[in-house]
N, C-alpha and C. Protein backbone atom coordinates (compact mmCIF):
# COMPACT_ATOMS: atom_id res chain seq x y z
N MET A 1 1.86 21.74 -5.34
CA MET A 1 1.74 20.61 -4.16
C MET A 1 2.43 19.30 -4.38
N LYS A 2 2.27 18.70 -5.71
CA LYS A 2 3.12 17.75 -6.29
C LYS A 2 4.61 18.23 -5.87
N GLU A 3 5.49 19.14 -5.84
CA GLU A 3 6.00 19.34 -6.21
C GLU A 3 6.66 19.28 -4.22
N LYS A 4 5.86 19.79 -3.40
CA LYS A 4 5.52 18.98 -1.82
C LYS A 4 6.36 17.98 -1.43
N ILE A 5 5.21 17.62 -2.11
CA ILE A 5 5.22 16.33 -1.52
C ILE A 5 6.23 15.42 -2.33
N LEU A 6 6.45 16.30 -3.39
CA LEU A 6 7.83 15.08 -3.61
C LEU A 6 9.20 16.20 -3.29
N ASN A 7 8.78 16.65 -1.96
CA ASN A 7 10.51 16.81 -1.99
C ASN A 7 10.01 16.57 -0.59
N SER A 8 9.54 16.28 0.43
CA SER A 8 9.01 15.79 1.80
C SER A 8 9.15 14.19 1.69
N LYS A 9 9.51 14.00 3.26
CA LYS A 9 9.26 12.74 3.52
C LYS A 9 8.14 11.86 2.85
N PHE A 10 7.31 12.55 2.48
CA PHE A 10 6.00 11.63 1.90
C PHE A 10 6.43 10.64 1.02
N ILE A 11 7.49 11.32 -0.06
CA ILE A 11 7.69 10.91 -1.00
C ILE A 11 8.11 9.01 -0.60
N LEU A 12 8.61 8.99 -0.38
CA LEU A 12 8.68 8.05 0.75
C LEU A 12 7.68 6.92 0.88
N LEU A 13 5.78 6.94 0.92
CA LEU A 13 5.92 6.45 1.23
C LEU A 13 4.73 5.92 0.01
N ILE A 14 5.05 6.55 -1.47
CA ILE A 14 4.98 5.70 -2.53
C ILE A 14 4.76 4.49 -2.58
N PRO A 15 6.18 3.79 -2.78
CA PRO A 15 5.86 2.80 -2.94
C PRO A 15 4.72 1.54 -1.80
N ALA A 16 5.13 1.89 -0.69
CA ALA A 16 3.96 1.75 -0.13
C ALA A 16 2.35 1.61 -0.63
N TYR A 17 2.05 2.73 -1.25
CA TYR A 17 0.48 3.33 -1.11
C TYR A 17 0.40 2.35 -2.95
N TRP A 18 2.05 2.64 -3.58
CA TRP A 18 1.34 2.14 -4.48
C TRP A 18 1.12 0.13 -3.93
N ALA A 19 2.05 -0.41 -3.91
CA ALA A 19 1.68 -1.73 -2.95
C ALA A 19 -0.21 -1.60 -2.38
N CYS A 20 -1.00 -0.58 -1.52
CA CYS A 20 -1.47 -0.82 -0.74
C CYS A 20 -2.84 -0.86 -2.15
N ILE A 21 -2.65 0.18 -3.26
CA ILE A 21 -3.77 0.62 -4.16
C ILE A 21 -4.16 -1.06 -4.70
N VAL A 22 -2.42 -1.08 -5.03
CA VAL A 22 -3.03 -2.96 -6.14
C VAL A 22 -3.84 -3.84 -5.18
N ASP A 23 -3.85 -4.19 -3.87
CA ASP A 23 -3.72 -5.27 -3.20
C ASP A 23 -5.36 -4.91 -3.03
N GLU A 24 -6.20 -3.74 -2.76
CA GLU A 24 -7.16 -2.63 -3.01
C GLU A 24 -7.85 -3.25 -4.06
N VAL A 25 -7.44 -2.97 -5.33
CA VAL A 25 -8.08 -3.00 -6.20
C VAL A 25 -8.21 -4.27 -7.06
N ILE A 26 -6.76 -5.51 -6.43
CA ILE A 26 -6.77 -6.52 -7.02
C ILE A 26 -7.79 -7.40 -6.18
N THR A 27 -8.26 -6.82 -5.16
CA THR A 27 -9.20 -7.47 -3.60
C THR A 27 -10.75 -7.54 -4.36
N ILE A 28 -10.93 -5.94 -5.41
CA ILE A 28 -12.10 -5.86 -4.66
C ILE A 28 -12.64 -5.87 -6.70
N PHE A 29 -12.17 -6.38 -7.54
CA PHE A 29 -12.96 -6.78 -8.93
C PHE A 29 -12.18 -8.70 -8.47
N ASN A 30 -11.56 -9.08 -7.78
CA ASN A 30 -12.20 -10.28 -7.88
C ASN A 30 -12.94 -11.16 -6.49
N GLN A 31 -13.99 -10.39 -5.95
CA GLN A 31 -15.35 -10.45 -5.53
C GLN A 31 -15.78 -11.42 -5.82
N SER A 32 -16.40 -12.23 -5.61
CA SER A 32 -17.82 -12.90 -6.40
C SER A 32 -18.42 -12.51 -7.16
N GLU A 33 -19.51 -12.51 -8.46
CA GLU A 33 -21.00 -11.62 -7.76
C GLU A 33 -22.28 -11.65 -6.87
N ASP A 34 -21.64 -12.76 -6.35
CA ASP A 34 -22.86 -13.17 -5.62
C ASP A 34 -22.45 -12.31 -4.53
N TYR A 35 -20.95 -11.94 -4.02
CA TYR A 35 -20.91 -11.07 -2.86
C TYR A 35 -21.62 -9.33 -3.27
N TRP A 36 -21.00 -8.99 -4.86
CA TRP A 36 -21.89 -7.48 -4.84
C TRP A 36 -23.37 -7.67 -5.73
N LYS A 37 -23.41 -8.96 -4.77
CA LYS A 37 -25.73 -8.78 -5.53
C LYS A 37 -25.81 -8.35 -3.73
N GLY A 38 -25.07 -8.87 -2.44
CA GLY A 38 -25.49 -8.77 -1.79
C GLY A 38 -24.83 -9.71 -0.69
N ASP A 39 -24.99 -11.14 -1.09
CA ASP A 39 -24.84 -12.11 -0.63
C ASP A 39 -23.29 -11.89 -0.18
N LEU A 40 -23.33 -11.28 1.70
CA LEU A 40 -22.13 -11.04 2.42
C LEU A 40 -20.75 -11.77 2.75
N SER A 41 -21.48 -12.86 3.44
CA SER A 41 -21.35 -14.65 3.13
C SER A 41 -20.72 -14.84 2.54
N LYS A 42 -20.67 -14.35 0.88
CA LYS A 42 -19.07 -14.84 0.21
C LYS A 42 -18.10 -14.07 -0.57
N ALA A 43 -17.94 -12.37 1.02
CA ALA A 43 -16.33 -12.14 0.53
C ALA A 43 -15.26 -12.60 0.86
N ASN A 44 -14.07 -13.09 0.28
CA ASN A 44 -13.20 -13.80 0.22
C ASN A 44 -11.85 -12.26 0.69
N GLU A 45 -11.95 -12.20 1.33
CA GLU A 45 -10.01 -11.27 2.15
C GLU A 45 -9.67 -11.87 3.41
N GLY A 46 -8.43 -12.60 2.94
CA GLY A 46 -7.38 -12.49 4.61
C GLY A 46 -7.30 -11.98 5.46
N ASN A 47 -7.36 -10.35 5.24
CA ASN A 47 -7.12 -9.95 6.28
C ASN A 47 -8.66 -9.75 7.23
N PRO A 48 -8.05 -10.16 8.63
CA PRO A 48 -9.49 -9.95 9.50
C PRO A 48 -10.40 -9.17 9.24
N ILE A 49 -9.68 -7.70 9.56
CA ILE A 49 -10.10 -6.46 9.69
C ILE A 49 -11.04 -6.68 8.32
N GLY A 50 -10.78 -6.99 7.35
CA GLY A 50 -11.26 -6.10 6.03
C GLY A 50 -11.79 -7.79 5.95
N ALA A 51 -11.70 -8.67 6.20
CA ALA A 51 -13.26 -9.21 5.58
C ALA A 51 -14.28 -9.58 6.94
N PHE A 52 -14.16 -8.83 7.98
CA PHE A 52 -14.75 -8.24 9.02
C PHE A 52 -15.74 -7.35 8.04
N MET A 53 -15.06 -6.23 7.92
CA MET A 53 -15.84 -5.00 6.81
C MET A 53 -16.89 -5.38 6.01
N MET A 54 -15.73 -6.86 5.61
CA MET A 54 -16.82 -6.73 3.71
C MET A 54 -17.93 -7.35 4.29
N ALA A 55 -17.84 -8.12 5.57
CA ALA A 55 -19.20 -9.35 5.23
C ALA A 55 -20.08 -8.49 6.05
N ASN A 56 -20.18 -7.41 6.77
CA ASN A 56 -21.05 -6.49 7.24
C ASN A 56 -21.56 -5.13 6.09
N HIS A 57 -20.94 -4.89 4.74
CA HIS A 57 -21.02 -3.83 4.08
C HIS A 57 -21.16 -4.16 3.14
N THR A 58 -21.46 -4.41 1.73
CA THR A 58 -20.52 -4.07 0.73
C THR A 58 -19.76 -3.53 0.32
N TYR A 59 -20.02 -2.37 0.91
CA TYR A 59 -18.51 -0.36 1.28
C TYR A 59 -17.78 -1.12 1.75
N GLY A 60 -17.60 -1.52 3.00
CA GLY A 60 -17.09 -2.13 3.73
C GLY A 60 -16.05 -2.17 3.67
N LEU A 61 -15.76 -2.71 2.62
CA LEU A 61 -14.23 -2.87 2.27
C LEU A 61 -13.63 -1.34 1.48
N PHE A 62 -13.99 -0.92 0.88
CA PHE A 62 -14.33 1.17 0.23
C PHE A 62 -13.81 1.65 1.59
N ILE A 63 -14.84 1.30 2.45
CA ILE A 63 -14.21 2.08 3.80
C ILE A 63 -13.04 2.16 4.61
N ILE A 64 -12.80 0.28 4.55
CA ILE A 64 -11.64 0.52 5.13
C ILE A 64 -10.57 0.68 4.37
N CYS A 65 -10.63 0.26 3.47
CA CYS A 65 -9.45 0.92 2.96
C CYS A 65 -8.69 2.86 2.93
N GLY A 66 -10.11 2.82 2.25
CA GLY A 66 -10.05 4.85 2.71
C GLY A 66 -9.77 5.33 4.00
N PHE A 67 -10.10 4.92 5.09
CA PHE A 67 -8.95 4.91 6.58
C PHE A 67 -7.79 4.09 6.40
N TRP A 68 -7.61 3.58 6.15
CA TRP A 68 -6.44 2.73 6.01
C TRP A 68 -4.79 3.56 4.95
N LEU A 69 -5.80 3.98 4.08
CA LEU A 69 -4.68 5.28 3.30
C LEU A 69 -4.48 6.34 4.26
N VAL A 70 -5.30 6.97 5.30
CA VAL A 70 -5.57 8.13 5.01
C VAL A 70 -4.66 8.07 7.10
N LEU A 71 -4.64 6.75 7.38
CA LEU A 71 -4.17 6.65 8.41
C LEU A 71 -2.39 6.18 8.13
N ILE A 72 -2.81 5.63 7.40
CA ILE A 72 -1.03 6.10 7.07
C ILE A 72 0.07 7.34 6.68
N ALA A 73 -1.55 7.60 6.33
CA ALA A 73 -0.17 9.27 6.22
C ALA A 73 -0.32 10.17 7.88
N LEU A 74 -1.23 9.68 8.12
CA LEU A 74 -1.54 10.46 9.49
C LEU A 74 -0.27 10.00 11.12
N ILE A 75 0.28 8.23 11.00
CA ILE A 75 1.06 8.38 11.05
C ILE A 75 2.68 8.46 10.29
N SER A 76 2.30 8.30 9.54
CA SER A 76 3.49 8.24 8.62
C SER A 76 3.69 10.88 8.69
N TYR A 77 3.26 11.03 9.37
CA TYR A 77 3.25 12.59 9.98
C TYR A 77 4.25 12.55 10.34
N LYS A 78 4.12 11.19 11.89
CA LYS A 78 5.13 11.48 13.38
C LYS A 78 5.89 10.89 13.66
N LEU A 79 6.07 10.19 11.97
CA LEU A 79 7.38 9.40 12.53
C LEU A 79 8.67 10.19 12.40
N ASN A 80 9.24 10.13 12.36
CA ASN A 80 11.16 10.73 11.60
C ASN A 80 11.59 9.78 10.86
N ASN A 81 12.61 9.79 10.59
CA ASN A 81 13.31 9.68 9.26
C ASN A 81 13.37 7.63 8.86
N ARG A 82 13.83 7.03 10.45
CA ARG A 82 13.86 5.94 10.36
C ARG A 82 12.72 5.49 10.90
N LYS A 83 12.51 5.61 11.62
CA LYS A 83 10.97 5.48 11.56
C LYS A 83 9.90 4.67 10.66
N LEU A 84 9.93 6.25 9.54
CA LEU A 84 9.02 6.27 8.94
C LEU A 84 9.92 5.26 7.59
N LYS A 85 10.72 4.80 7.32
CA LYS A 85 11.36 4.42 6.48
C LYS A 85 10.44 2.07 6.57
N ILE A 86 11.33 2.29 7.93
CA ILE A 86 10.20 1.19 8.66
C ILE A 86 9.41 1.01 8.60
N PHE A 87 7.97 1.67 9.04
CA PHE A 87 6.79 1.87 8.34
C PHE A 87 6.21 1.51 7.29
N ALA A 88 7.28 2.53 6.29
CA ALA A 88 7.25 2.65 5.50
C ALA A 88 7.37 1.51 4.32
N LEU A 89 8.08 0.17 4.71
CA LEU A 89 8.92 -0.69 4.15
C LEU A 89 7.88 -1.35 4.87
N PHE A 90 7.41 -1.94 5.91
CA PHE A 90 6.51 -2.62 6.39
C PHE A 90 4.62 -2.64 5.47
N VAL A 91 4.60 -1.02 5.26
CA VAL A 91 3.60 -1.30 4.02
C VAL A 91 3.25 -2.06 3.02
N LEU A 92 5.06 -1.44 2.87
CA LEU A 92 5.03 -2.29 1.18
C LEU A 92 4.74 -3.82 0.99
N ILE A 93 5.86 -4.59 2.62
CA ILE A 93 5.26 -5.33 1.94
C ILE A 93 4.03 -6.23 3.09
N ALA A 94 3.79 -5.84 4.05
CA ALA A 94 2.16 -6.19 3.86
C ALA A 94 1.01 -5.81 2.78
N HIS A 95 1.84 -5.58 2.52
CA HIS A 95 0.90 -5.31 1.07
C HIS A 95 0.90 -5.69 -0.27
N SER A 96 1.85 -5.75 -0.87
CA SER A 96 3.05 -6.88 -1.94
C SER A 96 2.53 -8.41 -0.74
N PHE A 97 2.74 -9.05 0.09
CA PHE A 97 1.98 -10.16 0.21
C PHE A 97 0.56 -10.43 -0.45
N GLY A 98 -0.42 -9.86 0.27
CA GLY A 98 -1.57 -9.65 -0.14
C GLY A 98 -1.74 -9.62 -1.37
N ALA A 99 -1.31 -8.54 -2.29
CA ALA A 99 -1.65 -8.77 -3.10
C ALA A 99 -1.16 -10.35 -4.21
N SER A 100 0.07 -10.78 -3.96
CA SER A 100 0.75 -11.67 -4.20
C SER A 100 0.11 -12.61 -4.34
N SER A 101 -0.89 -12.82 -2.85
CA SER A 101 -1.59 -14.40 -2.67
C SER A 101 -2.20 -14.18 -4.06
N TRP A 102 -2.89 -13.26 -4.66
CA TRP A 102 -4.02 -12.78 -5.27
C TRP A 102 -4.00 -13.69 -5.98
N ILE A 103 -2.23 -12.65 -6.55
CA ILE A 103 -1.66 -12.06 -8.27
C ILE A 103 -0.86 -13.86 -8.69
N SER A 104 -0.41 -14.26 -7.99
CA SER A 104 -0.25 -15.36 -7.70
C SER A 104 -1.16 -17.31 -7.77
N PHE A 105 -2.59 -16.92 -7.12
CA PHE A 105 -3.54 -17.32 -7.68
C PHE A 105 -3.76 -17.56 -8.30
N ILE A 106 -3.82 -16.56 -9.32
CA ILE A 106 -5.59 -15.73 -10.25
C ILE A 106 -3.35 -15.88 -11.75
N TYR A 107 -2.72 -15.64 -11.37
CA TYR A 107 -1.72 -15.50 -13.20
C TYR A 107 -0.72 -15.99 -12.31
N GLY A 108 -0.15 -17.32 -12.05
CA GLY A 108 0.78 -18.16 -10.66
C GLY A 108 1.68 -17.00 -10.38
N PHE A 109 3.14 -17.95 -10.04
CA PHE A 109 4.10 -17.69 -9.61
C PHE A 109 4.58 -16.57 -9.42
N TRP A 110 5.37 -16.43 -11.29
CA TRP A 110 6.63 -15.94 -11.18
C TRP A 110 5.41 -14.45 -11.43
N VAL A 111 4.89 -14.68 -12.04
CA VAL A 111 4.02 -13.07 -11.86
C VAL A 111 3.86 -11.99 -10.46
N ALA A 112 3.61 -12.96 -9.42
CA ALA A 112 3.76 -12.93 -8.39
C ALA A 112 4.92 -12.52 -7.81
N ILE A 113 6.19 -13.06 -8.44
CA ILE A 113 7.90 -12.16 -7.90
C ILE A 113 8.34 -11.10 -8.81
N LEU A 114 7.84 -10.99 -10.09
CA LEU A 114 7.84 -10.14 -10.67
C LEU A 114 7.07 -9.18 -9.81
N PHE A 115 6.12 -9.01 -9.19
CA PHE A 115 5.76 -7.87 -8.40
C PHE A 115 6.12 -7.54 -7.53
N ILE A 116 6.49 -8.41 -6.64
CA ILE A 116 7.44 -8.13 -5.97
C ILE A 116 8.46 -7.45 -5.73
N PHE A 117 9.40 -7.58 -7.12
CA PHE A 117 10.79 -7.52 -7.13
C PHE A 117 10.06 -5.12 -8.30
N ILE A 118 9.32 -5.80 -8.33
CA ILE A 118 9.38 -4.28 -8.99
C ILE A 118 9.35 -3.34 -7.53
N ASN A 119 8.49 -3.89 -6.65
CA ASN A 119 8.13 -3.10 -5.26
C ASN A 119 8.96 -2.92 -4.88
N ALA A 120 10.56 -3.47 -4.64
CA ALA A 120 11.52 -3.49 -4.01
C ALA A 120 12.58 -2.94 -4.88
N VAL A 121 12.01 -2.48 -6.04
CA VAL A 121 12.83 -1.37 -6.86
C VAL A 121 12.72 -0.22 -6.22
N LEU A 122 11.03 -0.22 -6.72
CA LEU A 122 11.02 0.86 -5.92
C LEU A 122 10.67 2.04 -4.57
N PHE A 123 10.74 0.93 -3.89
CA PHE A 123 11.01 1.13 -2.89
C PHE A 123 12.81 1.44 -2.79
N ILE A 124 13.85 0.91 -2.85
CA ILE A 124 15.07 1.59 -2.92
C ILE A 124 14.94 2.90 -3.92
N GLU A 125 14.49 3.33 -5.19
CA GLU A 125 14.52 4.11 -6.40
C GLU A 125 14.19 5.28 -4.94
N ILE A 126 13.07 4.90 -4.90
CA ILE A 126 12.16 6.01 -3.99
C ILE A 126 12.70 6.76 -2.43
N GLU A 127 13.56 5.89 -1.84
CA GLU A 127 14.42 5.90 -0.52
C GLU A 127 15.46 6.77 -1.55
N ASN A 128 16.67 6.02 -2.23
CA ASN A 128 17.73 6.79 -3.00
C ASN A 128 17.58 8.73 -3.52
N ILE A 129 16.08 8.47 -4.04
CA ILE A 129 15.08 9.95 -3.63
C ILE A 129 15.58 10.53 -3.52
N TYR A 130 14.95 10.45 -1.48
CA TYR A 130 14.21 11.24 -0.88
C TYR A 130 15.66 10.89 -0.53
N GLU A 131 16.86 10.77 -0.01
CA GLU A 131 18.13 10.58 0.38
C GLU A 131 18.96 11.60 0.34
N LEU A 132 18.46 11.95 -1.43
CA LEU A 132 19.32 12.52 -2.36
C LEU A 132 18.51 14.23 -1.52
N ARG A 133 17.67 14.48 -1.18
CA ARG A 133 17.20 15.51 -1.90
C ARG A 133 17.17 15.65 -0.25
N ARG A 134 17.15 15.32 -0.02
CA ARG A 134 17.90 15.25 1.81
C ARG A 134 19.31 15.58 2.44
N LYS A 135 19.83 15.29 1.94
CA LYS A 135 21.38 15.83 1.53
C LYS A 135 21.28 16.69 0.71
N GLU A 136 20.60 17.36 -0.21
CA GLU A 136 20.95 18.79 -0.72
C GLU A 136 19.75 19.67 0.14
N LYS A 137 18.82 18.88 0.39
CA LYS A 137 18.91 20.22 1.71
C LYS A 137 19.35 20.80 3.25
N VAL A 138 19.89 19.72 3.77
CA VAL A 138 21.25 20.43 4.41
C VAL A 138 22.09 20.60 3.61
N SER A 139 22.96 20.48 2.53
CA SER A 139 23.88 21.08 2.43
C SER A 139 23.36 22.59 2.40
N VAL A 140 22.68 23.34 1.26
CA VAL A 140 21.42 24.53 1.37
C VAL A 140 22.22 24.69 2.87
N ILE A 141 21.06 25.34 3.91
CA ILE A 141 21.21 25.15 4.87
C ILE A 141 22.61 25.10 5.63
N ILE A 142 23.16 24.34 5.45
CA ILE A 142 25.04 24.82 5.57
C ILE A 142 24.95 25.57 4.68
């Protein structure tokens, strides 16, 4: 299955999922102790959907994160090559922004810039691998 995913268009989602997971993990780990004890008014999240979910239950963030990761895959499944790249880049940028707001506050500006740079490199490298494999498939068919 791993090889099937790595040879499919879903490889383009690796950078997007990486940024999502970093954003989600850093958000989870930086909630106050009061929030985890049940004071939902202490939820700290910039995304209004995530903030709404967190303000209603301590598991709200986990629910919306799981839903979002599945939704990314479902949306991606329906998109053609160009639209998929745009969507994957959008998700990568959005979550790079979200995570970098935490990272810059906790670790400083340069660590956030490094995170964004790594994400940019990861996107280009994965996109290059995808295009190379796509061209190899086309040449095998011809």
